[in-house]
């Protein structure tokens, strides 16, 4: 169950990143200043993004993922309260359409 909840939160984080990429990428760059904009824009999904940031910053993937959750307001340090705001269950795939697998920076 915890594994499923974690996967759901990852999908929510990715969805928020894709919807608000322009604003959030600047926050990510501020938080992880060793990472370049090109690194962020080339990431194709949340796991790729986390791995790229962890590689450049030498932080653990868990640390990076927790910071990203805080940045987008999903779960994180708020005991899951804000995660519920984005709707549980099947909401993850809603408006994403063909964006899955596309680099974050490829969006307009």
Protein backbone atom coordinates (compact mmCIF):
# COMPACT_ATOMS: atom_id res chain seq x y z
CA UNK A 1 0.00 0.00 0.00
CA UNK A 2 2.78 2.44 0.90
CA UNK A 3 4.45 1.60 -2.42
CA UNK A 4 1.25 2.42 -4.30
CA UNK A 5 0.86 5.71 -2.41
CA UNK A 6 4.47 6.62 -3.21
CA UNK A 7 3.89 5.90 -6.91
CA UNK A 8 0.73 8.00 -6.83
CA UNK A 9 2.64 10.91 -5.29
CA UNK A 10 5.33 10.58 -7.98
CA UNK A 11 2.66 10.86 -10.66
CA UNK A 12 1.19 13.91 -8.93
CA UNK A 13 4.63 15.55 -8.70
CA UNK A 14 5.28 14.84 -12.39
CA UNK A 15 1.88 16.20 -13.35
CA UNK A 16 2.46 19.40 -11.37
CA UNK A 17 5.93 19.78 -12.87
CA UNK A 18 4.57 19.41 -16.41
CA UNK A 19 1.72 21.85 -15.80
CA UNK A 20 3.89 24.51 -14.15
CA UNK A 21 7.27 23.75 -15.71
CA UNK A 22 8.35 27.32 -16.45
CA UNK A 23 7.94 28.50 -12.86
CA UNK A 24 9.04 25.30 -11.16
CA UNK A 25 12.23 24.82 -13.16
CA UNK A 26 13.56 28.12 -11.77
CA UNK A 27 12.80 26.97 -8.24
CA UNK A 28 14.57 23.68 -8.94
CA UNK A 29 17.57 25.53 -10.36
CA UNK A 30 17.69 27.71 -7.24
CA UNK A 31 17.42 24.71 -4.94
CA UNK A 32 19.99 22.60 -6.82
CA UNK A 33 22.42 25.10 -8.30
CA UNK A 34 24.78 22.39 -9.62
CA UNK A 35 22.10 21.37 -12.13
CA UNK A 36 21.83 23.13 -15.47
CA UNK A 37 18.62 24.14 -17.23
CA UNK A 38 19.57 21.72 -20.03
CA UNK A 39 19.70 18.84 -17.52
CA UNK A 40 16.22 19.67 -16.31
CA UNK A 41 14.73 20.22 -19.75
CA UNK A 42 16.08 16.91 -21.05
CA UNK A 43 14.49 14.79 -18.30
CA UNK A 44 11.70 12.61 -19.69
CA UNK A 45 9.89 11.66 -16.47
CA UNK A 46 10.06 12.11 -12.72
CA UNK A 47 12.49 9.21 -12.20
CA UNK A 48 14.83 10.60 -14.88
CA UNK A 49 14.61 14.10 -13.39
CA UNK A 50 15.36 12.83 -9.88
CA UNK A 51 18.28 10.72 -11.14
CA UNK A 52 19.79 13.65 -13.07
CA UNK A 53 19.56 15.98 -10.09
CA UNK A 54 20.91 13.36 -7.67
CA UNK A 55 23.84 12.64 -10.01
CA UNK A 56 24.82 16.31 -10.34
CA UNK A 57 24.31 17.26 -6.69
CA UNK A 58 25.52 14.04 -5.03
CA UNK A 59 22.35 14.00 -2.93
CA UNK A 60 20.38 10.77 -2.55
CA UNK A 61 17.45 10.23 -4.89
CA UNK A 62 15.16 10.11 -1.85
CA UNK A 63 16.39 13.56 -0.74
CA UNK A 64 15.88 15.00 -4.24
CA UNK A 65 12.42 13.48 -4.55
CA UNK A 66 11.39 14.90 -1.16
CA UNK A 67 12.61 18.39 -2.15
CA UNK A 68 10.68 18.20 -5.44
CA UNK A 69 7.52 17.16 -3.56
CA UNK A 70 7.91 20.18 -1.30
CA UNK A 71 8.45 22.49 -4.27
CA UNK A 72 5.28 21.38 -6.01
CA UNK A 73 3.22 20.96 -2.82
CA UNK A 74 2.53 17.23 -3.04
CA UNK A 75 2.71 15.24 0.20
CA UNK A 76 6.15 16.03 1.55
CA UNK A 77 6.57 17.62 4.96
CA UNK A 78 2.89 18.39 5.38
CA UNK A 79 1.82 14.89 6.33
CA UNK A 80 0.12 14.20 3.02
CA UNK A 81 -2.54 16.87 3.49
CA UNK A 82 -1.71 18.81 0.35
CA UNK A 83 -1.41 15.57 -1.62
CA UNK A 84 -5.07 14.92 -1.00
CA UNK A 85 -5.94 18.31 -2.43
CA UNK A 86 -4.88 17.15 -5.89
CA UNK A 87 -7.35 14.27 -5.73
CA UNK A 88 -6.36 10.69 -5.12
CA UNK A 89 -7.25 7.67 -7.17
CA UNK A 90 -7.23 7.87 -10.93
CA UNK A 91 -6.67 11.62 -11.34
CA UNK A 92 -3.02 11.22 -12.30
CA UNK A 93 -3.41 10.63 -16.02
CA UNK A 94 -6.19 13.15 -16.63
CA UNK A 95 -4.83 16.04 -18.65
CA UNK A 96 -1.43 14.61 -19.41
CA UNK A 97 -2.30 13.03 -22.71
CA UNK A 98 0.73 12.59 -24.93
CA UNK A 99 3.19 14.31 -22.60
CA UNK A 100 4.31 11.11 -20.93
CA UNK A 101 7.82 10.28 -22.07
CA UNK A 102 8.37 13.74 -23.54
CA UNK A 103 11.18 15.84 -22.08
CA UNK A 104 9.91 18.40 -19.58
CA UNK A 105 11.46 21.22 -21.60
CA UNK A 106 9.64 20.26 -24.81
CA UNK A 107 6.40 21.88 -23.68
CA UNK A 108 5.19 25.33 -24.68
